[in-house]
Amino acid sequence: ARLYLSQPAVSLSLKRLEERLGQR
């Protein structure tokens, strides 16, 4: 809501960052 994005888009961003860093 704060970023004016959809919830799936924000969840995907988090997942991509975790995959890129190899950490939860």
mmCIF file of all heavy atoms, coordinates in Angstrom:
data_MODEL
# 
_entry.id   MODEL 
# 
loop_
_atom_site.group_PDB 
_atom_site.id 
_atom_site.type_symbol 
_atom_site.label_atom_id 
_atom_site.label_alt_id 
_atom_site.label_comp_id 
_atom_site.label_asym_id 
_atom_site.label_entity_id 
_atom_site.label_seq_id 
_atom_site.pdbx_PDB_ins_code 
_atom_site.Cartn_x 
_atom_site.Cartn_y 
_atom_site.Cartn_z 
_atom_site.occupancy 
_atom_site.B_iso_or_equiv 
_atom_site.pdbx_formal_charge 
_atom_site.auth_seq_id 
_atom_site.auth_comp_id 
_atom_site.auth_asym_id 
_atom_site.auth_atom_id 
_atom_site.pdbx_PDB_model_num 
ATOM 1   N N   . ALA A 1 1  ? 0.833  -1.209  0.000   1.00 0.00 ? 1  ALA A N   1 
ATOM 2   C CA  . ALA A 1 1  ? 0.000  0.000   0.000   1.00 0.00 ? 1  ALA A CA  1 
ATOM 3   C C   . ALA A 1 1  ? 0.862  1.250   0.000   1.00 0.00 ? 1  ALA A C   1 
ATOM 4   O O   . ALA A 1 1  ? 0.574  2.222   -0.708  1.00 0.00 ? 1  ALA A O   1 
ATOM 5   C CB  . ALA A 1 1  ? -0.924 -0.021  1.222   1.00 0.00 ? 1  ALA A CB  1 
ATOM 6   N N   . ARG A 1 2  ? 1.939  1.241   0.774   1.00 0.00 ? 2  ARG A N   1 
ATOM 7   C CA  . ARG A 1 2  ? 2.821  2.415   0.854   1.00 0.00 ? 2  ARG A CA  1 
ATOM 8   C C   . ARG A 1 2  ? 3.558  2.656   -0.456  1.00 0.00 ? 2  ARG A C   1 
ATOM 9   O O   . ARG A 1 2  ? 3.809  3.808   -0.834  1.00 0.00 ? 2  ARG A O   1 
ATOM 10  C CB  . ARG A 1 2  ? 3.814  2.209   1.987   1.00 0.00 ? 2  ARG A CB  1 
ATOM 11  C CG  . ARG A 1 2  ? 4.829  3.326   2.163   1.00 0.00 ? 2  ARG A CG  1 
ATOM 12  C CD  . ARG A 1 2  ? 5.575  3.137   3.453   1.00 0.00 ? 2  ARG A CD  1 
ATOM 13  N NE  . ARG A 1 2  ? 6.875  3.775   3.420   1.00 0.00 ? 2  ARG A NE  1 
ATOM 14  C CZ  . ARG A 1 2  ? 7.784  3.671   4.374   1.00 0.00 ? 2  ARG A CZ  1 
ATOM 15  N NH1 . ARG A 1 2  ? 7.529  2.939   5.453   1.00 0.00 ? 2  ARG A NH1 1 
ATOM 16  N NH2 . ARG A 1 2  ? 8.957  4.274   4.280   1.00 0.00 ? 2  ARG A NH2 1 
ATOM 17  N N   . LEU A 1 3  ? 3.908  1.574   -1.153  1.00 0.00 ? 3  LEU A N   1 
ATOM 18  C CA  . LEU A 1 3  ? 4.657  1.688   -2.404  1.00 0.00 ? 3  LEU A CA  1 
ATOM 19  C C   . LEU A 1 3  ? 3.757  1.791   -3.626  1.00 0.00 ? 3  LEU A C   1 
ATOM 20  O O   . LEU A 1 3  ? 4.255  1.895   -4.750  1.00 0.00 ? 3  LEU A O   1 
ATOM 21  C CB  . LEU A 1 3  ? 5.578  0.473   -2.544  1.00 0.00 ? 3  LEU A CB  1 
ATOM 22  C CG  . LEU A 1 3  ? 6.725  0.369   -1.528  1.00 0.00 ? 3  LEU A CG  1 
ATOM 23  C CD1 . LEU A 1 3  ? 7.363  -1.009  -1.599  1.00 0.00 ? 3  LEU A CD1 1 
ATOM 24  C CD2 . LEU A 1 3  ? 7.752  1.458   -1.775  1.00 0.00 ? 3  LEU A CD2 1 
ATOM 25  N N   . TYR A 1 4  ? 2.435  1.724   -3.404  1.00 0.00 ? 4  TYR A N   1 
ATOM 26  C CA  . TYR A 1 4  ? 1.472  1.763   -4.507  1.00 0.00 ? 4  TYR A CA  1 
ATOM 27  C C   . TYR A 1 4  ? 1.724  0.611   -5.485  1.00 0.00 ? 4  TYR A C   1 
ATOM 28  O O   . TYR A 1 4  ? 1.672  0.773   -6.707  1.00 0.00 ? 4  TYR A O   1 
ATOM 29  C CB  . TYR A 1 4  ? 1.522  3.107   -5.235  1.00 0.00 ? 4  TYR A CB  1 
ATOM 30  C CG  . TYR A 1 4  ? 1.191  4.268   -4.345  1.00 0.00 ? 4  TYR A CG  1 
ATOM 31  C CD1 . TYR A 1 4  ? 2.202  5.059   -3.823  1.00 0.00 ? 4  TYR A CD1 1 
ATOM 32  C CD2 . TYR A 1 4  ? -0.121 4.577   -4.002  1.00 0.00 ? 4  TYR A CD2 1 
ATOM 33  C CE1 . TYR A 1 4  ? 1.924  6.126   -2.984  1.00 0.00 ? 4  TYR A CE1 1 
ATOM 34  C CE2 . TYR A 1 4  ? -0.421 5.635   -3.165  1.00 0.00 ? 4  TYR A CE2 1 
ATOM 35  C CZ  . TYR A 1 4  ? 0.605  6.408   -2.653  1.00 0.00 ? 4  TYR A CZ  1 
ATOM 36  O OH  . TYR A 1 4  ? 0.319  7.459   -1.824  1.00 0.00 ? 4  TYR A OH  1 
ATOM 37  N N   . LEU A 1 5  ? 2.006  -0.573  -4.934  1.00 0.00 ? 5  LEU A N   1 
ATOM 38  C CA  . LEU A 1 5  ? 2.215  -1.779  -5.717  1.00 0.00 ? 5  LEU A CA  1 
ATOM 39  C C   . LEU A 1 5  ? 1.230  -2.849  -5.262  1.00 0.00 ? 5  LEU A C   1 
ATOM 40  O O   . LEU A 1 5  ? 0.615  -2.726  -4.206  1.00 0.00 ? 5  LEU A O   1 
ATOM 41  C CB  . LEU A 1 5  ? 3.651  -2.293  -5.538  1.00 0.00 ? 5  LEU A CB  1 
ATOM 42  C CG  . LEU A 1 5  ? 4.780  -1.383  -6.022  1.00 0.00 ? 5  LEU A CG  1 
ATOM 43  C CD1 . LEU A 1 5  ? 6.131  -1.959  -5.602  1.00 0.00 ? 5  LEU A CD1 1 
ATOM 44  C CD2 . LEU A 1 5  ? 4.725  -1.207  -7.537  1.00 0.00 ? 5  LEU A CD2 1 
ATOM 45  N N   . SER A 1 6  ? 1.110  -3.901  -6.058  1.00 0.00 ? 6  SER A N   1 
ATOM 46  C CA  . SER A 1 6  ? 0.261  -5.015  -5.639  1.00 0.00 ? 6  SER A CA  1 
ATOM 47  C C   . SER A 1 6  ? 1.019  -5.865  -4.620  1.00 0.00 ? 6  SER A C   1 
ATOM 48  O O   . SER A 1 6  ? 2.248  -5.894  -4.608  1.00 0.00 ? 6  SER A O   1 
ATOM 49  C CB  . SER A 1 6  ? -0.127 -5.869  -6.840  1.00 0.00 ? 6  SER A CB  1 
ATOM 50  O OG  . SER A 1 6  ? 1.007  -6.536  -7.373  1.00 0.00 ? 6  SER A OG  1 
ATOM 51  N N   . GLN A 1 7  ? 0.257  -6.573  -3.786  1.00 0.00 ? 7  GLN A N   1 
ATOM 52  C CA  . GLN A 1 7  ? 0.893  -7.432  -2.793  1.00 0.00 ? 7  GLN A CA  1 
ATOM 53  C C   . GLN A 1 7  ? 1.726  -8.537  -3.446  1.00 0.00 ? 7  GLN A C   1 
ATOM 54  O O   . GLN A 1 7  ? 2.847  -8.812  -2.996  1.00 0.00 ? 7  GLN A O   1 
ATOM 55  C CB  . GLN A 1 7  ? -0.157 -8.022  -1.861  1.00 0.00 ? 7  GLN A CB  1 
ATOM 56  C CG  . GLN A 1 7  ? 0.424  -8.862  -0.725  1.00 0.00 ? 7  GLN A CG  1 
ATOM 57  C CD  . GLN A 1 7  ? -0.611 -9.238  0.299   1.00 0.00 ? 7  GLN A CD  1 
ATOM 58  O OE1 . GLN A 1 7  ? -1.607 -8.542  0.468   1.00 0.00 ? 7  GLN A OE1 1 
ATOM 59  N NE2 . GLN A 1 7  ? -0.383 -10.333 1.000   1.00 0.00 ? 7  GLN A NE2 1 
ATOM 60  N N   . PRO A 1 8  ? 1.242  -9.184  -4.513  1.00 0.00 ? 8  PRO A N   1 
ATOM 61  C CA  . PRO A 1 8  ? 2.080  -10.204 -5.173  1.00 0.00 ? 8  PRO A CA  1 
ATOM 62  C C   . PRO A 1 8  ? 3.400  -9.629  -5.696  1.00 0.00 ? 8  PRO A C   1 
ATOM 63  O O   . PRO A 1 8  ? 4.433  -10.304 -5.648  1.00 0.00 ? 8  PRO A O   1 
ATOM 64  C CB  . PRO A 1 8  ? 1.191  -10.700 -6.315  1.00 0.00 ? 8  PRO A CB  1 
ATOM 65  C CG  . PRO A 1 8  ? -0.207 -10.455 -5.826  1.00 0.00 ? 8  PRO A CG  1 
ATOM 66  C CD  . PRO A 1 8  ? -0.127 -9.171  -5.072  1.00 0.00 ? 8  PRO A CD  1 
ATOM 67  N N   . ALA A 1 9  ? 3.375  -8.391  -6.177  1.00 0.00 ? 9  ALA A N   1 
ATOM 68  C CA  . ALA A 1 9  ? 4.606  -7.784  -6.700  1.00 0.00 ? 9  ALA A CA  1 
ATOM 69  C C   . ALA A 1 9  ? 5.630  -7.584  -5.589  1.00 0.00 ? 9  ALA A C   1 
ATOM 70  O O   . ALA A 1 9  ? 6.828  -7.809  -5.776  1.00 0.00 ? 9  ALA A O   1 
ATOM 71  C CB  . ALA A 1 9  ? 4.288  -6.455  -7.381  1.00 0.00 ? 9  ALA A CB  1 
ATOM 72  N N   . VAL A 1 10 ? 5.154  -7.156  -4.411  1.00 0.00 ? 10 VAL A N   1 
ATOM 73  C CA  . VAL A 1 10 ? 6.063  -6.950  -3.289  1.00 0.00 ? 10 VAL A CA  1 
ATOM 74  C C   . VAL A 1 10 ? 6.589  -8.291  -2.787  1.00 0.00 ? 10 VAL A C   1 
ATOM 75  O O   . VAL A 1 10 ? 7.782  -8.427  -2.469  1.00 0.00 ? 10 VAL A O   1 
ATOM 76  C CB  . VAL A 1 10 ? 5.347  -6.178  -2.162  1.00 0.00 ? 10 VAL A CB  1 
ATOM 77  C CG1 . VAL A 1 10 ? 6.226  -6.099  -0.910  1.00 0.00 ? 10 VAL A CG1 1 
ATOM 78  C CG2 . VAL A 1 10 ? 4.994  -4.769  -2.639  1.00 0.00 ? 10 VAL A CG2 1 
ATOM 79  N N   . SER A 1 11 ? 5.731  -9.289  -2.710  1.00 0.00 ? 11 SER A N   1 
ATOM 80  C CA  . SER A 1 11 ? 6.168  -10.630 -2.296  1.00 0.00 ? 11 SER A CA  1 
ATOM 81  C C   . SER A 1 11 ? 7.221  -11.180 -3.258  1.00 0.00 ? 11 SER A C   1 
ATOM 82  O O   . SER A 1 11 ? 8.207  -11.801 -2.836  1.00 0.00 ? 11 SER A O   1 
ATOM 83  C CB  . SER A 1 11 ? 4.978  -11.586 -2.229  1.00 0.00 ? 11 SER A CB  1 
ATOM 84  O OG  . SER A 1 11 ? 4.056  -11.201 -1.228  1.00 0.00 ? 11 SER A OG  1 
ATOM 85  N N   . LEU A 1 12 ? 7.021  -10.944 -4.550  1.00 0.00 ? 12 LEU A N   1 
ATOM 86  C CA  . LEU A 1 12 ? 7.978  -11.416 -5.547  1.00 0.00 ? 12 LEU A CA  1 
ATOM 87  C C   . LEU A 1 12 ? 9.318  -10.704 -5.387  1.00 0.00 ? 12 LEU A C   1 
ATOM 88  O O   . LEU A 1 12 ? 10.383 -11.323 -5.512  1.00 0.00 ? 12 LEU A O   1 
ATOM 89  C CB  . LEU A 1 12 ? 7.419  -11.185 -6.948  1.00 0.00 ? 12 LEU A CB  1 
ATOM 90  C CG  . LEU A 1 12 ? 8.331  -11.618 -8.115  1.00 0.00 ? 12 LEU A CG  1 
ATOM 91  C CD1 . LEU A 1 12 ? 8.636  -13.114 -8.017  1.00 0.00 ? 12 LEU A CD1 1 
ATOM 92  C CD2 . LEU A 1 12 ? 7.678  -11.283 -9.448  1.00 0.00 ? 12 LEU A CD2 1 
ATOM 93  N N   . SER A 1 13 ? 9.284  -9.416  -5.094  1.00 0.00 ? 13 SER A N   1 
ATOM 94  C CA  . SER A 1 13 ? 10.529 -8.668  -4.882  1.00 0.00 ? 13 SER A CA  1 
ATOM 95  C C   . SER A 1 13 ? 11.309 -9.241  -3.709  1.00 0.00 ? 13 SER A C   1 
ATOM 96  O O   . SER A 1 13 ? 12.531 -9.383  -3.767  1.00 0.00 ? 13 SER A O   1 
ATOM 97  C CB  . SER A 1 13 ? 10.223 -7.190  -4.645  1.00 0.00 ? 13 SER A CB  1 
ATOM 98  O OG  . SER A 1 13 ? 9.687  -6.584  -5.795  1.00 0.00 ? 13 SER A OG  1 
ATOM 99  N N   . LEU A 1 14 ? 10.595 -9.547  -2.625  1.00 0.00 ? 14 LEU A N   1 
ATOM 100 C CA  . LEU A 1 14 ? 11.253 -10.139 -1.459  1.00 0.00 ? 14 LEU A CA  1 
ATOM 101 C C   . LEU A 1 14 ? 11.867 -11.491 -1.819  1.00 0.00 ? 14 LEU A C   1 
ATOM 102 O O   . LEU A 1 14 ? 13.022 -11.787 -1.451  1.00 0.00 ? 14 LEU A O   1 
ATOM 103 C CB  . LEU A 1 14 ? 10.248 -10.301 -0.322  1.00 0.00 ? 14 LEU A CB  1 
ATOM 104 C CG  . LEU A 1 14 ? 10.752 -11.033 0.924   1.00 0.00 ? 14 LEU A CG  1 
ATOM 105 C CD1 . LEU A 1 14 ? 11.943 -10.304 1.539   1.00 0.00 ? 14 LEU A CD1 1 
ATOM 106 C CD2 . LEU A 1 14 ? 9.624  -11.173 1.941   1.00 0.00 ? 14 LEU A CD2 1 
ATOM 107 N N   . LYS A 1 15 ? 11.117 -12.292 -2.551  1.00 0.00 ? 15 LYS A N   1 
ATOM 108 C CA  . LYS A 1 15 ? 11.616 -13.608 -2.945  1.00 0.00 ? 15 LYS A CA  1 
ATOM 109 C C   . LYS A 1 15 ? 12.852 -13.486 -3.832  1.00 0.00 ? 15 LYS A C   1 
ATOM 110 O O   . LYS A 1 15 ? 13.847 -14.219 -3.663  1.00 0.00 ? 15 LYS A O   1 
ATOM 111 C CB  . LYS A 1 15 ? 10.517 -14.372 -3.686  1.00 0.00 ? 15 LYS A CB  1 
ATOM 112 C CG  . LYS A 1 15 ? 10.935 -15.766 -4.125  1.00 0.00 ? 15 LYS A CG  1 
ATOM 113 C CD  . LYS A 1 15 ? 9.789  -16.463 -4.855  1.00 0.00 ? 15 LYS A CD  1 
ATOM 114 C CE  . LYS A 1 15 ? 10.220 -17.854 -5.335  1.00 0.00 ? 15 LYS A CE  1 
ATOM 115 N NZ  . LYS A 1 15 ? 9.133  -18.540 -6.073  1.00 0.00 ? 15 LYS A NZ  1 
ATOM 116 N N   . ARG A 1 16 ? 12.838 -12.566 -4.775  1.00 0.00 ? 16 ARG A N   1 
ATOM 117 C CA  . ARG A 1 16 ? 13.981 -12.370 -5.671  1.00 0.00 ? 16 ARG A CA  1 
ATOM 118 C C   . ARG A 1 16 ? 15.211 -11.914 -4.895  1.00 0.00 ? 16 ARG A C   1 
ATOM 119 O O   . ARG A 1 16 ? 16.334 -12.369 -5.164  1.00 0.00 ? 16 ARG A O   1 
ATOM 120 C CB  . ARG A 1 16 ? 13.627 -11.336 -6.748  1.00 0.00 ? 16 ARG A CB  1 
ATOM 121 C CG  . ARG A 1 16 ? 12.647 -11.825 -7.797  1.00 0.00 ? 16 ARG A CG  1 
ATOM 122 C CD  . ARG A 1 16 ? 12.297 -10.706 -8.756  1.00 0.00 ? 16 ARG A CD  1 
ATOM 123 N NE  . ARG A 1 16 ? 13.487 -10.159 -9.405  1.00 0.00 ? 16 ARG A NE  1 
ATOM 124 C CZ  . ARG A 1 16 ? 13.531 -8.984  -10.014 1.00 0.00 ? 16 ARG A CZ  1 
ATOM 125 N NH1 . ARG A 1 16 ? 12.432 -8.206  -10.028 1.00 0.00 ? 16 ARG A NH1 1 
ATOM 126 N NH2 . ARG A 1 16 ? 14.630 -8.559  -10.591 1.00 0.00 ? 16 ARG A NH2 1 
ATOM 127 N N   . LEU A 1 17 ? 15.027 -11.029 -3.916  1.00 0.00 ? 17 LEU A N   1 
ATOM 128 C CA  . LEU A 1 17 ? 16.164 -10.560 -3.119  1.00 0.00 ? 17 LEU A CA  1 
ATOM 129 C C   . LEU A 1 17 ? 16.747 -11.705 -2.300  1.00 0.00 ? 17 LEU A C   1 
ATOM 130 O O   . LEU A 1 17 ? 17.974 -11.862 -2.215  1.00 0.00 ? 17 LEU A O   1 
ATOM 131 C CB  . LEU A 1 17 ? 15.723 -9.413  -2.207  1.00 0.00 ? 17 LEU A CB  1 
ATOM 132 C CG  . LEU A 1 17 ? 16.826 -8.791  -1.339  1.00 0.00 ? 17 LEU A CG  1 
ATOM 133 C CD1 . LEU A 1 17 ? 17.939 -8.201  -2.213  1.00 0.00 ? 17 LEU A CD1 1 
ATOM 134 C CD2 . LEU A 1 17 ? 16.240 -7.718  -0.431  1.00 0.00 ? 17 LEU A CD2 1 
ATOM 135 N N   . GLU A 1 18 ? 15.883 -12.511 -1.703  1.00 0.00 ? 18 GLU A N   1 
ATOM 136 C CA  . GLU A 1 18 ? 16.358 -13.652 -0.911  1.00 0.00 ? 18 GLU A CA  1 
ATOM 137 C C   . GLU A 1 18 ? 17.110 -14.647 -1.790  1.00 0.00 ? 18 GLU A C   1 
ATOM 138 O O   . GLU A 1 18 ? 18.163 -15.177 -1.394  1.00 0.00 ? 18 GLU A O   1 
ATOM 139 C CB  . GLU A 1 18 ? 15.177 -14.330 -0.213  1.00 0.00 ? 18 GLU A CB  1 
ATOM 140 C CG  . GLU A 1 18 ? 14.578 -13.490 0.916   1.00 0.00 ? 18 GLU A CG  1 
ATOM 141 C CD  . GLU A 1 18 ? 13.385 -14.156 1.567   1.00 0.00 ? 18 GLU A CD  1 
ATOM 142 O OE1 . GLU A 1 18 ? 12.655 -14.891 0.859   1.00 0.00 ? 18 GLU A OE1 1 
ATOM 143 O OE2 . GLU A 1 18 ? 13.172 -13.938 2.770   1.00 0.00 ? 18 GLU A OE2 1 
ATOM 144 N N   . GLU A 1 19 ? 16.594 -14.886 -2.994  1.00 0.00 ? 19 GLU A N   1 
ATOM 145 C CA  . GLU A 1 19 ? 17.264 -15.820 -3.901  1.00 0.00 ? 19 GLU A CA  1 
ATOM 146 C C   . GLU A 1 19 ? 18.606 -15.266 -4.358  1.00 0.00 ? 19 GLU A C   1 
ATOM 147 O O   . GLU A 1 19 ? 19.597 -16.003 -4.460  1.00 0.00 ? 19 GLU A O   1 
ATOM 148 C CB  . GLU A 1 19 ? 16.372 -16.088 -5.116  1.00 0.00 ? 19 GLU A CB  1 
ATOM 149 C CG  . GLU A 1 19 ? 15.130 -16.898 -4.786  1.00 0.00 ? 19 GLU A CG  1 
ATOM 150 C CD  . GLU A 1 19 ? 14.203 -17.035 -5.993  1.00 0.00 ? 19 GLU A CD  1 
ATOM 151 O OE1 . GLU A 1 19 ? 14.400 -16.290 -6.983  1.00 0.00 ? 19 GLU A OE1 1 
ATOM 152 O OE2 . GLU A 1 19 ? 13.267 -17.864 -5.932  1.00 0.00 ? 19 GLU A OE2 1 
ATOM 153 N N   . ARG A 1 20 ? 18.651 -13.958 -4.600  1.00 0.00 ? 20 ARG A N   1 
ATOM 154 C CA  . ARG A 1 20 ? 19.905 -13.349 -5.073  1.00 0.00 ? 20 ARG A CA  1 
ATOM 155 C C   . ARG A 1 20 ? 20.972 -13.386 -3.982  1.00 0.00 ? 20 ARG A C   1 
ATOM 156 O O   . ARG A 1 20 ? 22.160 -13.582 -4.269  1.00 0.00 ? 20 ARG A O   1 
ATOM 157 C CB  . ARG A 1 20 ? 19.640 -11.892 -5.499  1.00 0.00 ? 20 ARG A CB  1 
ATOM 158 C CG  . ARG A 1 20 ? 20.821 -11.251 -6.184  1.00 0.00 ? 20 ARG A CG  1 
ATOM 159 C CD  . ARG A 1 20 ? 21.073 -11.892 -7.528  1.00 0.00 ? 20 ARG A CD  1 
ATOM 160 N NE  . ARG A 1 20 ? 22.290 -11.396 -8.154  1.00 0.00 ? 20 ARG A NE  1 
ATOM 161 C CZ  . ARG A 1 20 ? 23.501 -11.897 -7.952  1.00 0.00 ? 20 ARG A CZ  1 
ATOM 162 N NH1 . ARG A 1 20 ? 23.661 -12.919 -7.124  1.00 0.00 ? 20 ARG A NH1 1 
ATOM 163 N NH2 . ARG A 1 20 ? 24.542 -11.411 -8.585  1.00 0.00 ? 20 ARG A NH2 1 
ATOM 164 N N   . LEU A 1 21 ? 20.569 -13.214 -2.727  1.00 0.00 ? 21 LEU A N   1 
ATOM 165 C CA  . LEU A 1 21 ? 21.522 -13.201 -1.618  1.00 0.00 ? 21 LEU A CA  1 
ATOM 166 C C   . LEU A 1 21 ? 21.747 -14.591 -1.034  1.00 0.00 ? 21 LEU A C   1 
ATOM 167 O O   . LEU A 1 21 ? 22.675 -14.792 -0.249  1.00 0.00 ? 21 LEU A O   1 
ATOM 168 C CB  . LEU A 1 21 ? 21.032 -12.256 -0.516  1.00 0.00 ? 21 LEU A CB  1 
ATOM 169 C CG  . LEU A 1 21 ? 20.919 -10.777 -0.902  1.00 0.00 ? 21 LEU A CG  1 
ATOM 170 C CD1 . LEU A 1 21 ? 20.321 -9.975  0.248   1.00 0.00 ? 21 LEU A CD1 1 
ATOM 171 C CD2 . LEU A 1 21 ? 22.285 -10.214 -1.286  1.00 0.00 ? 21 LEU A CD2 1 
ATOM 172 N N   . GLY A 1 22 ? 20.882 -15.546 -1.378  1.00 0.00 ? 22 GLY A N   1 
ATOM 173 C CA  . GLY A 1 22 ? 21.023 -16.893 -0.864  1.00 0.00 ? 22 GLY A CA  1 
ATOM 174 C C   . GLY A 1 22 ? 20.734 -17.001 0.621   1.00 0.00 ? 22 GLY A C   1 
ATOM 175 O O   . GLY A 1 22 ? 21.272 -17.885 1.305   1.00 0.00 ? 22 GLY A O   1 
ATOM 176 N N   . GLN A 1 23 ? 19.887 -16.120 1.133   1.00 0.00 ? 23 GLN A N   1 
ATOM 177 C CA  . GLN A 1 23 ? 19.562 -16.114 2.555   1.00 0.00 ? 23 GLN A CA  1 
ATOM 178 C C   . GLN A 1 23 ? 18.080 -15.843 2.754   1.00 0.00 ? 23 GLN A C   1 
ATOM 179 O O   . GLN A 1 23 ? 17.463 -15.088 1.991   1.00 0.00 ? 23 GLN A O   1 
ATOM 180 C CB  . GLN A 1 23 ? 20.348 -15.011 3.298   1.00 0.00 ? 23 GLN A CB  1 
ATOM 181 C CG  . GLN A 1 23 ? 21.853 -15.206 3.326   1.00 0.00 ? 23 GLN A CG  1 
ATOM 182 C CD  . GLN A 1 23 ? 22.267 -16.224 4.358   1.00 0.00 ? 23 GLN A CD  1 
ATOM 183 O OE1 . GLN A 1 23 ? 21.469 -16.642 5.192   1.00 0.00 ? 23 GLN A OE1 1 
ATOM 184 N NE2 . GLN A 1 23 ? 23.535 -16.632 4.317   1.00 0.00 ? 23 GLN A NE2 1 
ATOM 185 N N   . ARG A 1 24 ? 17.514 -16.447 3.797   1.00 0.00 ? 24 ARG A N   1 
ATOM 186 C CA  . ARG A 1 24 ? 16.140 -16.123 4.202   1.00 0.00 ? 24 ARG A CA  1 
ATOM 187 C C   . ARG A 1 24 ? 16.196 -14.828 4.996   1.00 0.00 ? 24 ARG A C   1 
ATOM 188 O O   . ARG A 1 24 ? 16.918 -14.733 5.999   1.00 0.00 ? 24 ARG A O   1 
ATOM 189 C CB  . ARG A 1 24 ? 15.568 -17.256 5.062   1.00 0.00 ? 24 ARG A CB  1 
ATOM 190 C CG  . ARG A 1 24 ? 14.099 -17.097 5.403   1.00 0.00 ? 24 ARG A CG  1 
ATOM 191 C CD  . ARG A 1 24 ? 13.223 -17.294 4.164   1.00 0.00 ? 24 ARG A CD  1 
ATOM 192 N NE  . ARG A 1 24 ? 11.812 -17.217 4.486   1.00 0.00 ? 24 ARG A NE  1 
ATOM 193 C CZ  . ARG A 1 24 ? 11.083 -18.263 4.868   1.00 0.00 ? 24 ARG A CZ  1 
ATOM 194 N NH1 . ARG A 1 24 ? 11.648 -19.465 4.992   1.00 0.00 ? 24 ARG A NH1 1 
ATOM 195 N NH2 . ARG A 1 24 ? 9.800  -18.121 5.125   1.00 0.00 ? 24 ARG A NH2 1 
# 
